[in-house]
Amino acid sequence: MTDAQALIVAKDLEISYGDFVIQRDLNFTVKSGEIFVIMGGSGCGKTTVMRSLTGLKEPSKGQVFLGGISFWEADQKTRDRIARNIGIVYQSGALWSSMTLAENVSLPLGEFTNLNVREIRELASLKLALVGLAGFEDYYPSEISGGMRKRAGVARALALDPEFLFFDEPSAGLDPVTSSLLDELIIELRDSLRTTMVMVTHELPSIFSVADNCVFLDAETRTMIATGDPKRLKKESQDPKVHAFLTRGGKNRTG
């Protein structure tokens, strides 16, 4: 992979809370336009790793390159510029309950652009339409379903047309049908917007339906033990932990 292809790079990354190491020796790359999954069992530090990639938690060692720039070594002005190019879809949706969907999507537009009220409203409506919520601009989060709230969270994350889009357990709390529809939306958005996406999940249906590439984090050794196309890893990985994770049966969807 060339440097131009690798839009996100984790190099010798170590993340810790004080003396307690969450993950160490992480080395992986995410290509432009790729859907990359950070996977592993509960407690392995998936979300914490994502926080370091998005500028929310400084690593104790190593580097994170976003668009060729070492984020944690850059000055604050550069970090702020890169951060505005990152969209994050949180597990809960994290919508303001006192605001309509349009008002939620409008928040970053009002904060970081010079658009007038009418232009912001039009853009908010466009983003909601992109995720299948046309006509729901004036609804409050409490008035729509959990799946629709997740979609509204995606619309808000897309407000500033980010180059990087991160998802934290997007299928959590959703039934299998709604989860599958959300996976389809993620793929459609990647294909239409060419946004580079990173998803944190342990849900097998989502992993196999959306991931172009992945990294597997192990809670016991506190490092990565596999990387690659998850479909290929399922067939070829000789690591018993990776094989067990990718071939486990039972209920794979949360909720």
Protein backbone atom coordinates (compact mmCIF):
# COMPACT_ATOMS: atom_id res chain seq x y z
CA MET A 1 0.00 0.00 0.00
CA THR A 2 1.33 3.43 -0.91
CA ASP A 3 1.24 6.38 1.45
CA ALA A 4 -1.32 8.03 -0.81
CA GLN A 5 -3.67 5.06 -0.43
CA ALA A 6 -3.27 4.89 3.36
CA LEU A 7 -5.56 7.65 4.63
CA ILE A 8 -5.38 6.53 8.27
CA VAL A 9 -2.27 4.97 9.77
CA ALA A 10 -1.68 3.68 13.29
CA LYS A 11 2.04 3.28 13.91
CA ASP A 12 3.40 1.54 17.03
CA LEU A 13 0.34 2.79 18.90
CA GLU A 14 0.01 2.23 22.64
CA ILE A 15 -3.01 3.43 24.59
CA SER A 16 -3.22 3.39 28.36
CA TYR A 17 -4.91 4.86 31.40
CA GLY A 18 -2.07 5.68 33.75
CA ASP A 19 0.05 2.55 34.09
CA PHE A 20 -2.71 0.27 32.79
CA VAL A 21 -2.14 -0.54 29.12
CA ILE A 22 -5.32 -0.99 27.08
CA GLN A 23 -3.64 -1.89 23.77
CA ARG A 24 -0.03 -1.81 22.58
CA ASP A 25 2.01 -2.26 19.41
CA LEU A 26 -0.86 -1.45 17.06
CA ASN A 27 0.12 -1.10 13.41
CA PHE A 28 -2.57 -0.92 10.75
CA THR A 29 -3.64 1.19 7.78
CA VAL A 30 -6.99 2.26 6.39
CA LYS A 31 -7.19 3.00 2.67
CA SER A 32 -9.13 5.85 1.15
CA GLY A 33 -12.76 4.88 0.58
CA GLU A 34 -12.47 1.76 2.70
CA ILE A 35 -14.78 0.46 5.44
CA PHE A 36 -12.40 -0.68 8.16
CA VAL A 37 -13.63 -2.57 11.23
CA ILE A 38 -12.00 -2.60 14.65
CA MET A 39 -13.24 -5.84 16.16
CA GLY A 40 -12.74 -8.06 19.16
CA GLY A 41 -14.54 -9.27 22.24
CA SER A 42 -15.94 -7.09 25.02
CA GLY A 43 -13.32 -5.27 27.06
CA CYS A 44 -10.53 -5.38 24.49
CA GLY A 45 -10.44 -1.60 24.06
CA LYS A 46 -12.07 -1.12 20.65
CA THR A 47 -13.76 2.16 21.50
CA THR A 48 -10.67 3.47 23.30
CA VAL A 49 -8.59 2.84 20.17
CA MET A 50 -11.20 4.69 18.12
CA ARG A 51 -10.95 7.62 20.54
CA SER A 52 -7.22 7.87 19.82
CA LEU A 53 -7.86 7.78 16.07
CA THR A 54 -10.42 10.59 16.33
CA GLY A 55 -8.39 12.93 18.52
CA LEU A 56 -10.31 12.31 21.75
CA LYS A 57 -7.62 10.42 23.68
CA GLU A 58 -3.89 10.93 23.30
CA PRO A 59 -1.91 7.69 22.99
CA SER A 60 0.89 6.99 25.45
CA LYS A 61 3.17 5.96 22.57
CA GLY A 62 3.16 5.87 18.79
CA GLN A 63 1.54 7.97 16.09
CA VAL A 64 -1.79 8.41 14.34
CA PHE A 65 -1.60 9.74 10.78
CA LEU A 66 -4.75 11.23 9.28
CA GLY A 67 -4.40 12.26 5.67
CA GLY A 68 -0.61 12.04 5.99
CA ILE A 69 -0.41 14.30 9.06
CA SER A 70 0.74 12.99 12.44
CA PHE A 71 -2.25 14.18 14.46
CA TRP A 72 -0.79 14.08 17.97
CA GLU A 73 2.46 15.75 16.87
CA ALA A 74 0.68 18.58 15.04
CA ASP A 75 0.00 22.03 16.49
CA GLN A 76 -3.42 22.81 17.92
CA LYS A 77 -4.58 24.76 14.87
CA THR A 78 -3.82 21.81 12.60
CA ARG A 79 -5.52 19.40 15.01
CA ASP A 80 -8.64 21.55 15.05
CA ARG A 81 -8.70 21.62 11.25
CA ILE A 82 -8.39 17.83 11.04
CA ALA A 83 -10.99 17.32 13.78
CA ARG A 84 -13.54 19.26 11.73
CA ASN A 85 -12.96 16.72 8.98
CA ILE A 86 -13.97 13.83 11.27
CA GLY A 87 -17.56 12.69 11.75
CA ILE A 88 -18.44 10.40 14.66
CA VAL A 89 -21.61 8.34 15.04
CA TYR A 90 -21.93 7.46 18.71
CA GLN A 91 -23.46 4.23 20.01
CA SER A 92 -26.48 5.98 21.53
CA GLY A 93 -26.93 8.41 18.64
CA ALA A 94 -26.16 11.22 21.14
CA LEU A 95 -28.88 13.49 19.81
CA TRP A 96 -30.09 16.46 21.85
CA SER A 97 -33.56 15.43 23.01
CA SER A 98 -34.79 19.04 23.21
CA MET A 99 -33.96 19.71 19.56
CA THR A 100 -35.63 18.50 16.36
CA LEU A 101 -33.69 16.32 13.95
CA ALA A 102 -33.03 19.31 11.69
CA GLU A 103 -31.78 21.35 14.65
CA ASN A 104 -29.47 18.51 15.71
CA VAL A 105 -27.97 18.24 12.22
CA SER A 106 -27.72 22.04 12.00
CA LEU A 107 -25.55 22.36 15.12
CA PRO A 108 -22.14 21.79 13.48
CA LEU A 109 -23.20 23.81 10.43
CA GLY A 110 -24.00 26.80 12.62
CA GLU A 111 -20.78 26.38 14.58
CA PHE A 112 -18.27 25.89 11.79
CA THR A 113 -19.70 27.55 8.66
CA ASN A 114 -20.76 31.03 7.61
CA LEU A 115 -24.03 29.85 6.07
CA ASN A 116 -27.24 31.71 6.81
CA VAL A 117 -30.24 30.14 8.56
CA ARG A 118 -32.02 29.20 5.33
CA GLU A 119 -28.92 27.58 3.84
CA ILE A 120 -28.28 25.64 7.03
CA ARG A 121 -31.87 24.38 7.06
CA GLU A 122 -31.59 23.27 3.43
CA LEU A 123 -28.33 21.42 4.11
CA ALA A 124 -29.78 19.76 7.21
CA SER A 125 -32.74 18.57 5.17
CA LEU A 126 -30.37 17.23 2.50
CA LYS A 127 -28.33 15.28 5.04
CA LEU A 128 -31.48 13.80 6.58
CA ALA A 129 -32.69 12.82 3.10
CA LEU A 130 -29.35 11.09 2.48
CA VAL A 131 -30.06 8.71 5.37
CA GLY A 132 -33.72 8.13 4.47
CA LEU A 133 -35.28 10.68 6.83
CA ALA A 134 -36.75 13.18 4.37
CA GLY A 135 -39.85 14.71 5.92
CA PHE A 136 -38.74 14.07 9.50
CA GLU A 137 -36.92 17.38 9.96
CA ASP A 138 -39.28 18.66 12.67
CA TYR A 139 -39.56 15.43 14.66
CA TYR A 140 -37.91 15.11 18.05
CA PRO A 141 -35.69 12.09 18.87
CA SER A 142 -38.34 10.74 21.26
CA GLU A 143 -40.88 10.65 18.42
CA ILE A 144 -38.94 8.26 16.18
CA SER A 145 -37.64 4.68 16.42
CA GLY A 146 -34.19 3.61 17.59
CA GLY A 147 -33.12 2.83 14.04
CA MET A 148 -34.23 6.24 12.88
CA ARG A 149 -32.31 7.88 15.72
CA LYS A 150 -29.18 6.05 14.56
CA ARG A 151 -29.77 7.35 11.04
CA ALA A 152 -30.23 10.88 12.36
CA GLY A 153 -26.91 10.49 14.17
CA VAL A 154 -25.32 9.55 10.85
CA ALA A 155 -26.87 12.63 9.21
CA ARG A 156 -25.40 14.88 11.88
CA ALA A 157 -21.97 13.24 11.52
CA LEU A 158 -22.17 13.95 7.77
CA ALA A 159 -23.12 17.61 8.25
CA LEU A 160 -19.68 19.02 7.44
CA ASP A 161 -18.91 16.51 4.65
CA PRO A 162 -16.13 14.79 6.62
CA GLU A 163 -13.39 12.81 4.94
CA PHE A 164 -13.37 10.37 7.86
CA LEU A 165 -16.50 8.82 9.39
CA PHE A 166 -16.30 6.73 12.57
CA PHE A 167 -19.04 4.48 13.98
CA ASP A 168 -19.08 3.21 17.57
CA GLU A 169 -21.15 -0.02 17.76
CA PRO A 170 -23.78 1.26 15.28
CA SER A 171 -25.94 -1.88 15.58
CA ALA A 172 -26.13 -1.83 19.38
CA GLY A 173 -29.71 -2.03 20.61
CA LEU A 174 -31.22 -2.67 17.18
CA ASP A 175 -33.16 -5.70 15.98
CA PRO A 176 -31.59 -7.80 13.17
CA VAL A 177 -33.70 -6.29 10.37
CA THR A 178 -33.01 -2.70 11.43
CA SER A 179 -29.32 -3.52 11.87
CA SER A 180 -29.15 -4.96 8.37
CA LEU A 181 -30.79 -1.85 6.92
CA LEU A 182 -28.26 0.33 8.75
CA ASP A 183 -25.42 -1.76 7.30
CA GLU A 184 -26.87 -1.23 3.81
CA LEU A 185 -27.03 2.52 4.45
CA ILE A 186 -23.37 2.59 5.53
CA ILE A 187 -22.31 0.84 2.32
CA GLU A 188 -24.48 3.14 0.18
CA LEU A 189 -23.00 6.24 1.80
CA ARG A 190 -19.46 4.99 1.32
CA ASP A 191 -20.13 4.25 -2.33
CA SER A 192 -21.88 7.57 -3.04
CA LEU A 193 -19.76 9.92 -0.90
CA ARG A 194 -16.43 8.01 -1.05
CA THR A 195 -15.98 8.65 2.66
CA THR A 196 -13.39 6.59 4.50
CA MET A 197 -15.11 4.76 7.35
CA VAL A 198 -13.94 3.08 10.54
CA MET A 199 -16.42 0.99 12.53
CA VAL A 200 -16.10 -0.43 16.03
CA THR A 201 -18.23 -3.56 16.40
CA HIS A 202 -18.35 -7.16 17.60
CA GLU A 203 -21.46 -7.99 15.53
CA LEU A 204 -20.67 -10.72 12.99
CA PRO A 205 -23.44 -9.88 10.48
CA SER A 206 -22.21 -6.29 10.27
CA ILE A 207 -18.56 -7.33 10.08
CA PHE A 208 -19.13 -9.70 7.19
CA SER A 209 -21.52 -7.41 5.29
CA VAL A 210 -19.64 -4.11 5.42
CA ALA A 211 -15.93 -4.65 6.17
CA ASP A 212 -13.30 -4.34 3.46
CA ASN A 213 -10.57 -4.80 6.04
CA CYS A 214 -10.27 -5.18 9.80
CA VAL A 215 -8.01 -5.43 12.83
CA PHE A 216 -8.67 -7.92 15.63
CA LEU A 217 -7.82 -6.72 19.15
CA ASP A 218 -7.16 -9.27 21.89
CA ALA A 219 -8.07 -8.44 25.50
CA GLU A 220 -5.66 -10.99 27.00
CA THR A 221 -2.45 -10.03 25.21
CA ARG A 222 -3.60 -6.39 24.82
CA THR A 223 -2.51 -6.12 21.23
CA MET A 224 -3.67 -6.90 17.71
CA ILE A 225 -3.45 -10.55 16.67
CA ALA A 226 -4.88 -10.37 13.13
CA THR A 227 -5.63 -7.97 10.32
CA GLY A 228 -7.16 -8.35 6.86
CA ASP A 229 -10.44 -9.14 5.12
CA PRO A 230 -12.63 -10.78 7.81
CA LYS A 231 -14.09 -13.25 5.29
CA ARG A 232 -10.56 -14.40 4.49
CA LEU A 233 -9.60 -14.51 8.17
CA LYS A 234 -12.62 -16.71 8.89
CA LYS A 235 -11.39 -19.24 6.35
CA GLU A 236 -7.64 -19.00 6.79
CA SER A 237 -6.70 -17.73 10.26
CA GLN A 238 -4.78 -20.26 12.33
CA ASP A 239 -5.23 -18.25 15.53
CA PRO A 240 -7.81 -20.04 17.72
CA LYS A 241 -9.11 -16.77 19.22
CA VAL A 242 -9.73 -15.20 15.82
CA HIS A 243 -11.29 -18.39 14.47
CA ALA A 244 -13.58 -18.76 17.51
CA PHE A 245 -14.68 -15.13 17.30
CA LEU A 246 -15.50 -15.24 13.59
CA THR A 247 -17.23 -18.63 13.66
CA ARG A 248 -19.17 -18.28 16.89
CA GLY A 249 -22.83 -19.23 16.72
CA GLY A 250 -25.88 -18.09 18.60
CA LYS A 251 -27.26 -14.60 18.69
CA ASN A 252 -24.98 -12.27 16.77
CA ARG A 253 -27.12 -9.16 16.88
CA THR A 254 -27.48 -7.01 19.97
CA GLY A 255 -31.04 -6.49 21.15
